Amino acid sequence: MLTVLSPAKSLDFESPLPTRKRSEPRLLGEASELIEIMREKSPSDIAALMHISDDLAHLNATRYAEFTADHTPRSARPAVLAFNGDVYQGLAARTLDERDFTEAQKTLRVLSGLYGLLRPLDLIQPHRLEMGTRLETGRGLSLYDWWGDQVTDLLRRDLDESPGADVLINLASQEYFASVRPERLGARIISPRFEDRDPHGKPRVVSFHAKRARGTMAGWMIRGRVRTPGKLADFDGDGYAYDEARSTKDQPVFVR
C-alpha cells in the first residue's frame, strides 16, 4: 500500500537534519531537462507563467540557474525534510526515527512538477514548478503532457514492491493527482476527505485544515505501519473522527 502527497511551495533548507539517510530521484534526467527549459525564461516570463510576484520570479530564476544535476547533501536535502508547507507541518517528519524513515521510503511518495515522483529521502534542490503549470515543451502544452505515463508507471512499480494491500491512498491535491492515470495504475484508489464543522454545525472542507490533516494522516500511517485500508477508520489525528454514515468505500470522511 502506498500513500501519495503533494509537494509544498514553502521550503526549509536550513534546519538540522534528523537523519543521514538519502536517495537519488529516479527521474532526475527528466527534471534536468525541465530546468534547461526554465533557464531560457526571463523573470518576467516566469512571473506570467506561474502567476507569482516579481520577487518570487527572480528567486526562482536564480534557483534554476544554480540547479545542478549532481544532487549531493551539500546542494540538496531529502524531500520530506525540505518541504515545509501545511501538509508537512502535519506530517512532522523531523520527529520520525530511523525505522520510520525506512518505512516511509517503502510506503510514501510525493508527486512533483519538477521531479515527477519522489520518495521521502530523495534529494531535491530548491525549486518551484507546480504540476498545473502550462509549460510548453516538445511533448505538449503542460507538465501533464511532459510526464505522460511516467509517474503512473513508477507508482505501479512501487506499489508492486510496497508492503500490504494493492491500494493507493490519495492524500494529494486534485492538481497533483491529475498526473496519475487510474486506469493504467490498475489499483484501488482511496481518497480520504477531511471536514470541519462551521458555527452552525455544518461540516465543510477548510483548505488549510484539510492540507494539514492529510499530512497528519500520512505520518500516522508511517508511525503505525498501516498496511491495510480498513485501518484508516481508526485515524483520530488533529481531533478528527471517522464519519461512517457519510463515508463511502473509496472516500472515508473524517469530521471534527
Protein backbone atom coordinates (compact mmCIF):
# COMPACT_ATOMS: atom_id res chain seq x y z
CA MET A 1 0.00 0.00 0.00
CA LEU A 2 1.27 3.44 -0.94
CA THR A 3 0.31 6.96 0.09
CA VAL A 4 0.80 9.97 -2.19
CA LEU A 5 1.13 13.61 -1.16
CA SER A 6 1.53 16.90 -2.98
CA PRO A 7 4.77 18.88 -2.52
CA ALA A 8 4.88 22.32 -0.86
CA LYS A 9 5.79 25.78 -2.07
CA SER A 10 7.42 26.61 1.27
CA LEU A 11 10.89 25.07 1.67
CA ASP A 12 13.32 24.58 4.55
CA PHE A 13 16.96 24.14 3.62
CA GLU A 14 18.34 25.45 6.92
CA SER A 15 17.15 23.28 9.82
CA PRO A 16 19.38 20.44 11.06
CA LEU A 17 18.51 17.08 9.54
CA PRO A 18 17.35 14.25 11.84
CA THR A 19 18.72 11.50 9.58
CA ARG A 20 21.65 10.89 7.24
CA LYS A 21 19.60 8.54 5.07
CA ARG A 22 19.16 9.73 1.49
CA SER A 23 18.41 8.55 -2.04
CA GLU A 24 18.57 9.97 -5.56
CA PRO A 25 15.46 10.99 -7.53
CA ARG A 26 14.74 8.35 -10.14
CA LEU A 27 13.58 10.82 -12.81
CA LEU A 28 16.44 13.28 -12.33
CA GLY A 29 17.29 13.30 -16.04
CA GLU A 30 13.77 14.47 -16.84
CA ALA A 31 13.99 17.13 -14.14
CA SER A 32 17.26 18.42 -15.58
CA GLU A 33 15.63 18.78 -18.99
CA LEU A 34 12.80 20.81 -17.46
CA ILE A 35 15.34 23.04 -15.72
CA GLU A 36 17.01 23.74 -19.07
CA ILE A 37 13.64 24.84 -20.46
CA MET A 38 13.03 27.11 -17.47
CA ARG A 39 16.52 28.63 -17.72
CA GLU A 40 15.56 30.07 -21.09
CA LYS A 41 12.81 32.15 -19.49
CA SER A 42 13.24 35.64 -18.07
CA PRO A 43 11.93 36.55 -14.61
CA SER A 44 9.00 38.34 -16.26
CA ASP A 45 8.24 35.19 -18.28
CA ILE A 46 8.32 33.14 -15.08
CA ALA A 47 6.05 35.59 -13.25
CA ALA A 48 3.47 35.40 -16.04
CA LEU A 49 3.72 31.62 -16.44
CA MET A 50 3.44 30.81 -12.74
CA HIS A 51 1.26 33.75 -11.66
CA ILE A 52 3.72 34.85 -8.99
CA SER A 53 5.24 38.16 -7.88
CA ASP A 54 8.33 39.68 -9.48
CA ASP A 55 10.36 38.93 -6.34
CA LEU A 56 9.40 35.25 -6.41
CA ALA A 57 10.06 35.12 -10.14
CA HIS A 58 13.60 36.46 -9.65
CA LEU A 59 14.17 34.00 -6.78
CA ASN A 60 13.14 31.06 -8.93
CA ALA A 61 15.14 32.26 -11.93
CA THR A 62 18.16 32.17 -9.61
CA ARG A 63 17.22 28.70 -8.42
CA TYR A 64 17.01 27.42 -12.00
CA ALA A 65 20.40 28.96 -12.78
CA GLU A 66 22.01 27.34 -9.72
CA PHE A 67 20.39 23.92 -10.18
CA THR A 68 22.90 21.12 -10.75
CA ALA A 69 22.30 17.56 -11.92
CA ASP A 70 24.68 16.39 -9.20
CA HIS A 71 22.44 16.09 -6.12
CA THR A 72 24.63 15.80 -3.02
CA PRO A 73 24.00 16.56 0.68
CA ARG A 74 25.79 19.87 0.16
CA SER A 75 23.40 21.06 -2.57
CA ALA A 76 20.20 19.20 -1.73
CA ARG A 77 18.22 17.60 1.09
CA PRO A 78 15.63 14.82 1.45
CA ALA A 79 12.27 15.85 0.02
CA VAL A 80 10.20 15.09 3.09
CA LEU A 81 12.54 17.30 5.14
CA ALA A 82 12.80 20.10 2.57
CA PHE A 83 9.08 20.69 2.01
CA ASN A 84 7.65 22.85 4.77
CA GLY A 85 4.01 23.72 3.95
CA ASP A 86 0.79 22.84 5.79
CA VAL A 87 0.88 19.17 4.75
CA TYR A 88 4.43 18.78 6.05
CA GLN A 89 3.67 20.56 9.31
CA GLY A 90 1.10 17.82 9.84
CA LEU A 91 3.46 15.05 8.77
CA ALA A 92 6.14 16.29 11.20
CA ALA A 93 8.92 14.32 9.51
CA ARG A 94 11.54 15.71 11.90
CA THR A 95 10.01 13.60 14.66
CA LEU A 96 10.38 10.33 12.72
CA ASP A 97 13.01 7.86 13.90
CA GLU A 98 15.30 5.81 11.65
CA ARG A 99 12.86 2.91 11.40
CA ASP A 100 10.10 5.34 10.49
CA PHE A 101 12.21 6.79 7.67
CA THR A 102 12.79 3.26 6.38
CA GLU A 103 9.03 2.64 6.47
CA ALA A 104 8.29 5.96 4.76
CA GLN A 105 10.71 5.12 1.95
CA LYS A 106 8.65 2.00 1.24
CA THR A 107 5.16 3.45 1.62
CA LEU A 108 5.10 7.22 0.92
CA ARG A 109 5.51 9.11 -2.35
CA VAL A 110 5.38 12.81 -3.28
CA LEU A 111 4.09 13.93 -6.67
CA SER A 112 6.24 16.71 -8.12
CA GLY A 113 6.02 19.04 -11.09
CA LEU A 114 9.82 19.07 -11.45
CA TYR A 115 10.84 15.58 -10.28
CA GLY A 116 7.73 13.63 -11.29
CA LEU A 117 7.60 11.24 -8.34
CA LEU A 118 9.73 11.42 -5.22
CA ARG A 119 10.49 9.04 -2.41
CA PRO A 120 10.72 10.75 1.00
CA LEU A 121 14.51 10.54 1.16
CA ASP A 122 15.18 11.56 -2.45
CA LEU A 123 17.45 14.59 -2.50
CA ILE A 124 15.94 17.73 -4.01
CA GLN A 125 17.28 21.20 -4.67
CA PRO A 126 15.36 24.45 -4.04
CA HIS A 127 12.79 24.94 -6.78
CA ARG A 128 9.24 25.87 -7.62
CA LEU A 129 7.42 24.30 -10.55
CA GLU A 130 3.82 23.37 -9.88
CA MET A 131 2.24 20.44 -11.68
CA GLY A 132 -0.55 22.60 -13.08
CA THR A 133 1.88 24.95 -14.84
CA ARG A 134 1.03 25.27 -18.54
CA LEU A 135 4.62 24.91 -19.67
CA GLU A 136 5.03 24.25 -23.37
CA THR A 137 7.62 21.58 -24.17
CA GLY A 138 8.33 19.26 -27.05
CA ARG A 139 5.84 16.83 -25.52
CA GLY A 140 2.84 19.14 -25.28
CA LEU A 141 1.39 22.19 -23.59
CA SER A 142 1.57 21.21 -19.93
CA LEU A 143 3.55 19.28 -17.35
CA TYR A 144 0.86 16.60 -17.53
CA ASP A 145 1.89 16.12 -21.15
CA TRP A 146 5.56 16.14 -20.17
CA TRP A 147 5.19 13.39 -17.59
CA GLY A 148 2.72 11.32 -19.60
CA ASP A 149 2.66 7.75 -18.23
CA GLN A 150 5.96 8.01 -16.36
CA VAL A 151 4.54 8.95 -12.96
CA THR A 152 1.84 6.28 -13.14
CA ASP A 153 4.23 3.57 -14.29
CA LEU A 154 6.68 4.35 -11.49
CA LEU A 155 3.85 4.35 -8.95
CA ARG A 156 2.73 0.96 -10.28
CA ARG A 157 6.23 -0.43 -9.81
CA ASP A 158 6.42 0.99 -6.31
CA LEU A 159 3.01 -0.46 -5.44
CA ASP A 160 4.20 -3.88 -6.56
CA GLU A 161 7.16 -3.58 -4.19
CA SER A 162 5.32 -1.99 -1.25
CA PRO A 163 4.11 -3.94 1.80
CA GLY A 164 0.42 -4.57 2.34
CA ALA A 165 -2.60 -4.18 0.08
CA ASP A 166 -2.59 -3.16 -3.59
CA VAL A 167 -4.14 0.18 -2.70
CA LEU A 168 -3.13 3.80 -3.30
CA ILE A 169 -4.11 6.27 -0.59
CA ASN A 170 -4.57 9.61 -2.31
CA LEU A 171 -3.72 12.45 0.07
CA ALA A 172 -2.63 14.76 -2.76
CA SER A 173 -4.46 17.76 -4.23
CA GLN A 174 -6.52 17.46 -7.40
CA GLU A 175 -3.85 19.42 -9.29
CA TYR A 176 -1.16 16.88 -8.50
CA PHE A 177 -3.23 13.72 -8.58
CA ALA A 178 -4.27 14.60 -12.13
CA SER A 179 -0.77 13.43 -13.14
CA VAL A 180 -1.80 9.86 -12.19
CA ARG A 181 -3.77 7.75 -14.67
CA PRO A 182 -6.03 5.49 -12.57
CA GLU A 183 -6.94 3.02 -15.32
CA ARG A 184 -3.28 2.49 -16.17
CA LEU A 185 -2.37 2.19 -12.48
CA GLY A 186 -4.86 -0.63 -12.03
CA ALA A 187 -5.08 -0.37 -8.25
CA ARG A 188 -7.83 0.60 -5.85
CA ILE A 189 -7.62 4.30 -5.00
CA ILE A 190 -8.88 5.67 -1.69
CA SER A 191 -9.18 9.45 -1.25
CA PRO A 192 -9.84 10.48 2.38
CA ARG A 193 -11.83 13.68 2.95
CA PHE A 194 -11.40 15.97 5.97
CA GLU A 195 -14.12 18.36 7.10
CA ASP A 196 -14.57 20.90 9.89
CA ARG A 197 -17.91 21.97 11.34
CA ASP A 198 -18.85 25.61 10.85
CA PRO A 199 -20.52 27.66 13.65
CA HIS A 200 -23.87 26.16 12.61
CA GLY A 201 -22.56 22.61 12.87
CA LYS A 202 -22.42 22.01 9.14
CA PRO A 203 -19.29 20.09 8.04
CA ARG A 204 -17.27 21.52 5.17
CA VAL A 205 -13.74 21.29 3.79
CA VAL A 206 -11.46 24.06 5.04
CA SER A 207 -8.40 24.04 2.78
CA PHE A 208 -5.78 24.92 5.40
CA HIS A 209 -7.05 22.35 7.90
CA ALA A 210 -7.56 19.68 5.24
CA LYS A 211 -3.98 20.08 3.99
CA ARG A 212 -2.58 19.67 7.48
CA ALA A 213 -4.84 16.69 8.15
CA ARG A 214 -3.55 14.94 5.02
CA GLY A 215 -0.02 15.24 6.35
CA THR A 216 -1.07 14.14 9.82
CA MET A 217 -2.71 11.02 8.38
CA ALA A 218 0.38 10.24 6.28
CA GLY A 219 2.58 10.50 9.38
CA TRP A 220 0.15 8.39 11.41
CA MET A 221 0.24 5.68 8.76
CA ILE A 222 4.05 5.64 8.77
CA ARG A 223 4.39 5.51 12.55
CA GLY A 224 1.62 2.92 12.92
CA ARG A 225 2.79 0.75 10.00
CA VAL A 226 -0.69 0.89 8.47
CA ARG A 227 -0.75 -1.62 5.62
CA THR A 228 -4.49 -2.19 5.00
CA PRO A 229 -7.24 0.31 4.12
CA GLY A 230 -9.55 -0.98 6.85
CA LYS A 231 -7.29 0.59 9.46
CA LEU A 232 -7.92 4.12 8.14
CA ALA A 233 -11.16 4.33 10.13
CA ASP A 234 -9.04 4.34 13.31
CA PHE A 235 -7.45 7.68 12.41
CA ASP A 236 -8.12 10.32 15.07
CA GLY A 237 -5.29 12.79 14.50
CA ASP A 238 -5.84 16.53 14.97
CA GLY A 239 -9.20 15.81 16.61
CA TYR A 240 -10.83 14.24 13.53
CA ALA A 241 -13.15 11.25 13.80
CA TYR A 242 -14.35 8.79 11.16
CA ASP A 243 -17.90 9.50 9.99
CA GLU A 244 -19.19 6.10 8.94
CA ALA A 245 -22.59 7.37 7.80
CA ARG A 246 -21.11 9.79 5.28
CA SER A 247 -18.18 7.68 4.14
CA THR A 248 -18.02 5.50 1.05
CA LYS A 249 -15.76 2.58 0.24
CA ASP A 250 -13.24 4.75 -1.56
CA GLN A 251 -13.78 8.07 0.25
CA PRO A 252 -13.67 7.79 4.03
CA VAL A 253 -14.84 11.04 5.65
CA PHE A 254 -13.33 12.45 8.83
CA VAL A 255 -15.01 15.30 10.70
CA ARG A 256 -14.17 17.43 13.71
